[in-house]
Amino acid sequence: MTTHETAPGGLKTFSVAEVAQALAGDSMRDPQRWLTRQITSGRFTARKVGRSWRMTQADVDHALAVMANPDRPNTEPSPAGQPSVGSLRRRRIA
């Protein structure tokens, strides 16, 4: 991410294209679209400036932390030994 804009408060911001290239590189077909979806879903933080999204270094660091620690499904047993809804569905399907 070599180019950036400096906001009036002296805060450096990066475009979605710059961040997407840095995060995904050539591993995705459309990293800008993927990043925009992550932002609009609330998984990553960013600021809307006019019609475009801008990310600060703190936003980029947060995105990297979220990507390094993906949410894990809840594997705790259900209370009172009751079968989970998912296991009941598997039984019906199988």
N, C-alpha and C. Protein backbone atom coordinates (compact mmCIF):
# COMPACT_ATOMS: atom_id res chain seq x y z
N MET A 1 0.84 -1.16 0.00
CA MET A 1 0.00 0.00 0.00
C MET A 1 0.89 1.23 0.00
N THR A 2 1.19 1.70 -1.14
CA THR A 2 2.12 2.81 -1.23
C THR A 2 1.42 4.15 -1.33
N THR A 3 0.26 4.20 -1.94
CA THR A 3 -0.43 5.48 -2.05
C THR A 3 -1.50 5.57 -0.99
N HIS A 4 -1.72 6.75 -0.48
CA HIS A 4 -2.74 6.97 0.52
C HIS A 4 -3.11 8.44 0.52
N GLU A 5 -4.23 8.71 1.15
CA GLU A 5 -4.66 10.09 1.31
C GLU A 5 -4.55 10.45 2.78
N THR A 6 -4.31 11.69 3.04
CA THR A 6 -4.26 12.16 4.42
C THR A 6 -5.50 13.01 4.66
N ALA A 7 -6.26 12.59 5.64
CA ALA A 7 -7.48 13.31 6.00
C ALA A 7 -7.11 14.62 6.69
N PRO A 8 -8.07 15.54 6.81
CA PRO A 8 -7.78 16.83 7.44
C PRO A 8 -7.16 16.71 8.83
N GLY A 9 -7.48 15.69 9.59
CA GLY A 9 -6.92 15.52 10.93
C GLY A 9 -5.55 14.88 10.92
N GLY A 10 -4.99 14.63 9.74
CA GLY A 10 -3.68 14.01 9.65
C GLY A 10 -3.73 12.49 9.64
N LEU A 11 -4.90 11.91 9.51
CA LEU A 11 -5.08 10.47 9.52
C LEU A 11 -4.89 9.92 8.11
N LYS A 12 -3.99 8.97 7.93
CA LYS A 12 -3.76 8.37 6.62
C LYS A 12 -4.82 7.31 6.36
N THR A 13 -5.39 7.34 5.16
CA THR A 13 -6.40 6.36 4.79
C THR A 13 -6.01 5.68 3.49
N PHE A 14 -6.51 4.47 3.31
CA PHE A 14 -6.21 3.66 2.14
C PHE A 14 -7.51 3.31 1.43
N SER A 15 -7.45 3.19 0.11
CA SER A 15 -8.64 2.82 -0.65
C SER A 15 -8.88 1.32 -0.52
N VAL A 16 -10.08 0.89 -0.88
CA VAL A 16 -10.43 -0.53 -0.86
C VAL A 16 -9.52 -1.29 -1.81
N ALA A 17 -9.20 -0.71 -2.95
CA ALA A 17 -8.34 -1.38 -3.93
C ALA A 17 -6.95 -1.65 -3.35
N GLU A 18 -6.40 -0.67 -2.65
CA GLU A 18 -5.08 -0.83 -2.05
C GLU A 18 -5.08 -1.92 -0.97
N VAL A 19 -6.08 -1.87 -0.11
CA VAL A 19 -6.16 -2.85 0.98
C VAL A 19 -6.45 -4.24 0.43
N ALA A 20 -7.35 -4.33 -0.54
CA ALA A 20 -7.68 -5.64 -1.12
C ALA A 20 -6.46 -6.28 -1.76
N GLN A 21 -5.67 -5.50 -2.45
CA GLN A 21 -4.45 -6.02 -3.07
C GLN A 21 -3.47 -6.50 -2.01
N ALA A 22 -3.34 -5.74 -0.92
CA ALA A 22 -2.41 -6.12 0.14
C ALA A 22 -2.88 -7.35 0.90
N LEU A 23 -4.19 -7.48 1.14
CA LEU A 23 -4.71 -8.61 1.90
C LEU A 23 -4.79 -9.89 1.07
N ALA A 24 -5.29 -9.77 -0.15
CA ALA A 24 -5.56 -10.97 -0.95
C ALA A 24 -4.53 -11.22 -2.04
N GLY A 25 -3.92 -10.16 -2.55
CA GLY A 25 -2.97 -10.33 -3.65
C GLY A 25 -3.66 -10.90 -4.87
N ASP A 26 -3.06 -11.93 -5.45
CA ASP A 26 -3.64 -12.56 -6.63
C ASP A 26 -4.39 -13.84 -6.29
N SER A 27 -4.67 -14.08 -5.01
CA SER A 27 -5.31 -15.33 -4.62
C SER A 27 -6.81 -15.33 -4.85
N MET A 28 -7.42 -14.18 -5.13
CA MET A 28 -8.87 -14.09 -5.36
C MET A 28 -9.13 -13.52 -6.74
N ARG A 29 -10.30 -13.86 -7.25
CA ARG A 29 -10.69 -13.34 -8.56
C ARG A 29 -11.05 -11.86 -8.48
N ASP A 30 -11.79 -11.46 -7.44
CA ASP A 30 -12.22 -10.06 -7.30
C ASP A 30 -12.08 -9.62 -5.84
N PRO A 31 -10.86 -9.33 -5.40
CA PRO A 31 -10.65 -9.00 -3.99
C PRO A 31 -11.34 -7.70 -3.55
N GLN A 32 -11.52 -6.74 -4.44
CA GLN A 32 -12.19 -5.50 -4.06
C GLN A 32 -13.64 -5.78 -3.70
N ARG A 33 -14.30 -6.60 -4.47
CA ARG A 33 -15.69 -6.93 -4.19
C ARG A 33 -15.81 -7.70 -2.87
N TRP A 34 -14.87 -8.65 -2.65
CA TRP A 34 -14.87 -9.42 -1.41
C TRP A 34 -14.69 -8.49 -0.21
N LEU A 35 -13.73 -7.56 -0.30
CA LEU A 35 -13.47 -6.65 0.80
C LEU A 35 -14.66 -5.74 1.06
N THR A 36 -15.28 -5.24 0.01
CA THR A 36 -16.45 -4.38 0.18
C THR A 36 -17.58 -5.15 0.87
N ARG A 37 -17.77 -6.41 0.53
CA ARG A 37 -18.80 -7.22 1.20
C ARG A 37 -18.47 -7.43 2.67
N GLN A 38 -17.19 -7.63 2.98
CA GLN A 38 -16.79 -7.80 4.38
C GLN A 38 -17.06 -6.51 5.17
N ILE A 39 -16.84 -5.38 4.55
CA ILE A 39 -17.08 -4.09 5.20
C ILE A 39 -18.57 -3.87 5.41
N THR A 40 -19.37 -4.08 4.37
CA THR A 40 -20.81 -3.81 4.50
C THR A 40 -21.50 -4.80 5.43
N SER A 41 -20.93 -6.01 5.58
CA SER A 41 -21.52 -6.98 6.50
C SER A 41 -21.15 -6.67 7.95
N GLY A 42 -20.16 -5.79 8.15
CA GLY A 42 -19.75 -5.42 9.49
C GLY A 42 -18.59 -6.24 10.03
N ARG A 43 -18.06 -7.15 9.25
CA ARG A 43 -16.93 -7.97 9.71
C ARG A 43 -15.66 -7.13 9.82
N PHE A 44 -15.44 -6.20 8.88
CA PHE A 44 -14.30 -5.30 8.90
C PHE A 44 -14.82 -3.88 9.09
N THR A 45 -13.97 -3.02 9.63
CA THR A 45 -14.36 -1.62 9.82
C THR A 45 -13.74 -0.75 8.73
N ALA A 46 -14.47 0.29 8.36
CA ALA A 46 -14.02 1.25 7.35
C ALA A 46 -14.92 2.48 7.44
N ARG A 47 -14.56 3.50 6.70
CA ARG A 47 -15.36 4.72 6.67
C ARG A 47 -15.79 5.02 5.25
N LYS A 48 -17.01 5.47 5.11
CA LYS A 48 -17.51 5.82 3.80
C LYS A 48 -17.23 7.31 3.58
N VAL A 49 -16.49 7.60 2.53
CA VAL A 49 -16.16 8.98 2.18
C VAL A 49 -16.73 9.20 0.78
N GLY A 50 -17.80 9.98 0.72
CA GLY A 50 -18.48 10.14 -0.57
C GLY A 50 -19.08 8.80 -1.00
N ARG A 51 -18.67 8.33 -2.16
CA ARG A 51 -19.18 7.05 -2.66
C ARG A 51 -18.20 5.90 -2.47
N SER A 52 -17.05 6.17 -1.86
CA SER A 52 -16.04 5.12 -1.72
C SER A 52 -15.73 4.84 -0.26
N TRP A 53 -15.24 3.65 0.00
CA TRP A 53 -14.82 3.24 1.33
C TRP A 53 -13.34 3.53 1.51
N ARG A 54 -12.96 4.01 2.70
CA ARG A 54 -11.56 4.26 3.05
C ARG A 54 -11.27 3.53 4.36
N MET A 55 -10.06 3.02 4.48
CA MET A 55 -9.65 2.30 5.68
C MET A 55 -8.39 2.94 6.26
N THR A 56 -8.37 3.08 7.57
CA THR A 56 -7.17 3.56 8.25
C THR A 56 -6.25 2.37 8.52
N GLN A 57 -5.06 2.66 9.01
CA GLN A 57 -4.13 1.57 9.35
C GLN A 57 -4.73 0.71 10.47
N ALA A 58 -5.44 1.33 11.40
CA ALA A 58 -6.10 0.58 12.47
C ALA A 58 -7.17 -0.36 11.90
N ASP A 59 -7.90 0.11 10.88
CA ASP A 59 -8.90 -0.74 10.22
C ASP A 59 -8.24 -1.93 9.54
N VAL A 60 -7.10 -1.69 8.89
CA VAL A 60 -6.38 -2.77 8.21
C VAL A 60 -5.85 -3.77 9.24
N ASP A 61 -5.32 -3.27 10.35
CA ASP A 61 -4.83 -4.16 11.40
C ASP A 61 -5.97 -4.99 11.98
N HIS A 62 -7.13 -4.38 12.15
CA HIS A 62 -8.30 -5.12 12.65
C HIS A 62 -8.72 -6.20 11.66
N ALA A 63 -8.72 -5.89 10.38
CA ALA A 63 -9.08 -6.88 9.36
C ALA A 63 -8.12 -8.06 9.38
N LEU A 64 -6.83 -7.78 9.54
CA LEU A 64 -5.84 -8.85 9.61
C LEU A 64 -6.07 -9.72 10.85
N ALA A 65 -6.42 -9.09 11.96
CA ALA A 65 -6.68 -9.86 13.19
C ALA A 65 -7.91 -10.74 13.02
N VAL A 66 -8.95 -10.21 12.39
CA VAL A 66 -10.16 -11.00 12.16
C VAL A 66 -9.87 -12.17 11.22
N MET A 67 -9.08 -11.93 10.21
CA MET A 67 -8.75 -12.99 9.26
C MET A 67 -7.88 -14.06 9.92
N ALA A 68 -7.04 -13.68 10.88
CA ALA A 68 -6.17 -14.64 11.55
C ALA A 68 -6.93 -15.50 12.56
N ASN A 69 -8.05 -14.99 13.08
CA ASN A 69 -8.84 -15.71 14.08
C ASN A 69 -10.29 -15.82 13.63
N PRO A 70 -10.57 -16.69 12.66
CA PRO A 70 -11.96 -16.80 12.18
C PRO A 70 -12.86 -17.36 13.28
N ASP A 71 -14.13 -17.00 13.22
CA ASP A 71 -15.10 -17.50 14.19
C ASP A 71 -15.18 -19.01 14.09
N ARG A 72 -15.19 -19.64 15.22
CA ARG A 72 -15.29 -21.09 15.26
C ARG A 72 -16.72 -21.47 15.67
N PRO A 73 -17.25 -22.55 15.10
CA PRO A 73 -18.61 -22.94 15.48
C PRO A 73 -18.66 -23.37 16.94
N ASN A 74 -19.81 -23.22 17.55
CA ASN A 74 -20.00 -23.59 18.94
C ASN A 74 -20.01 -25.11 19.05
N THR A 75 -19.03 -25.67 19.77
CA THR A 75 -18.95 -27.13 19.90
C THR A 75 -19.31 -27.60 21.30
N GLU A 76 -19.88 -26.70 22.11
CA GLU A 76 -20.26 -27.07 23.46
C GLU A 76 -21.48 -27.99 23.41
N PRO A 77 -21.55 -28.96 24.33
CA PRO A 77 -22.72 -29.83 24.35
C PRO A 77 -23.96 -29.04 24.78
N SER A 78 -25.10 -29.49 24.34
CA SER A 78 -26.33 -28.79 24.69
C SER A 78 -26.66 -29.06 26.16
N PRO A 79 -27.41 -28.15 26.81
CA PRO A 79 -27.72 -28.31 28.23
C PRO A 79 -28.56 -29.56 28.49
N ALA A 80 -28.35 -30.15 29.65
CA ALA A 80 -29.12 -31.31 30.12
C ALA A 80 -28.98 -32.52 29.20
N GLY A 81 -27.94 -32.56 28.40
CA GLY A 81 -27.72 -33.73 27.56
C GLY A 81 -28.69 -33.89 26.41
N GLN A 82 -29.46 -32.86 26.12
CA GLN A 82 -30.41 -32.92 25.02
C GLN A 82 -29.66 -32.88 23.69
N PRO A 83 -30.11 -33.62 22.70
CA PRO A 83 -29.43 -33.55 21.40
C PRO A 83 -29.64 -32.18 20.77
N SER A 84 -28.65 -31.72 20.05
CA SER A 84 -28.77 -30.42 19.40
C SER A 84 -29.70 -30.51 18.21
N VAL A 85 -30.20 -29.37 17.77
CA VAL A 85 -31.09 -29.33 16.62
C VAL A 85 -30.37 -29.85 15.39
N GLY A 86 -29.10 -29.51 15.25
CA GLY A 86 -28.32 -29.96 14.09
C GLY A 86 -28.24 -31.48 14.03
N SER A 87 -28.04 -32.14 15.19
CA SER A 87 -27.94 -33.60 15.19
C SER A 87 -29.29 -34.22 14.85
N LEU A 88 -30.39 -33.58 15.28
CA LEU A 88 -31.71 -34.09 14.93
C LEU A 88 -31.95 -34.00 13.43
N ARG A 89 -31.50 -32.90 12.82
CA ARG A 89 -31.64 -32.76 11.38
C ARG A 89 -30.82 -33.80 10.64
N ARG A 90 -29.62 -34.06 11.13
CA ARG A 90 -28.77 -35.07 10.48
C ARG A 90 -29.42 -36.43 10.55
N ARG A 91 -30.07 -36.74 11.67
CA ARG A 91 -30.73 -38.03 11.79
C ARG A 91 -31.87 -38.18 10.80
N ARG A 92 -32.64 -37.10 10.59
CA ARG A 92 -33.77 -37.16 9.66
C ARG A 92 -33.27 -37.31 8.22
N ILE A 93 -32.18 -36.63 7.90
CA ILE A 93 -31.67 -36.68 6.54
C ILE A 93 -31.04 -38.03 6.25
N ALA A 94 -30.29 -38.55 7.20
CA ALA A 94 -29.56 -39.80 6.97
C ALA A 94 -30.42 -41.02 6.97
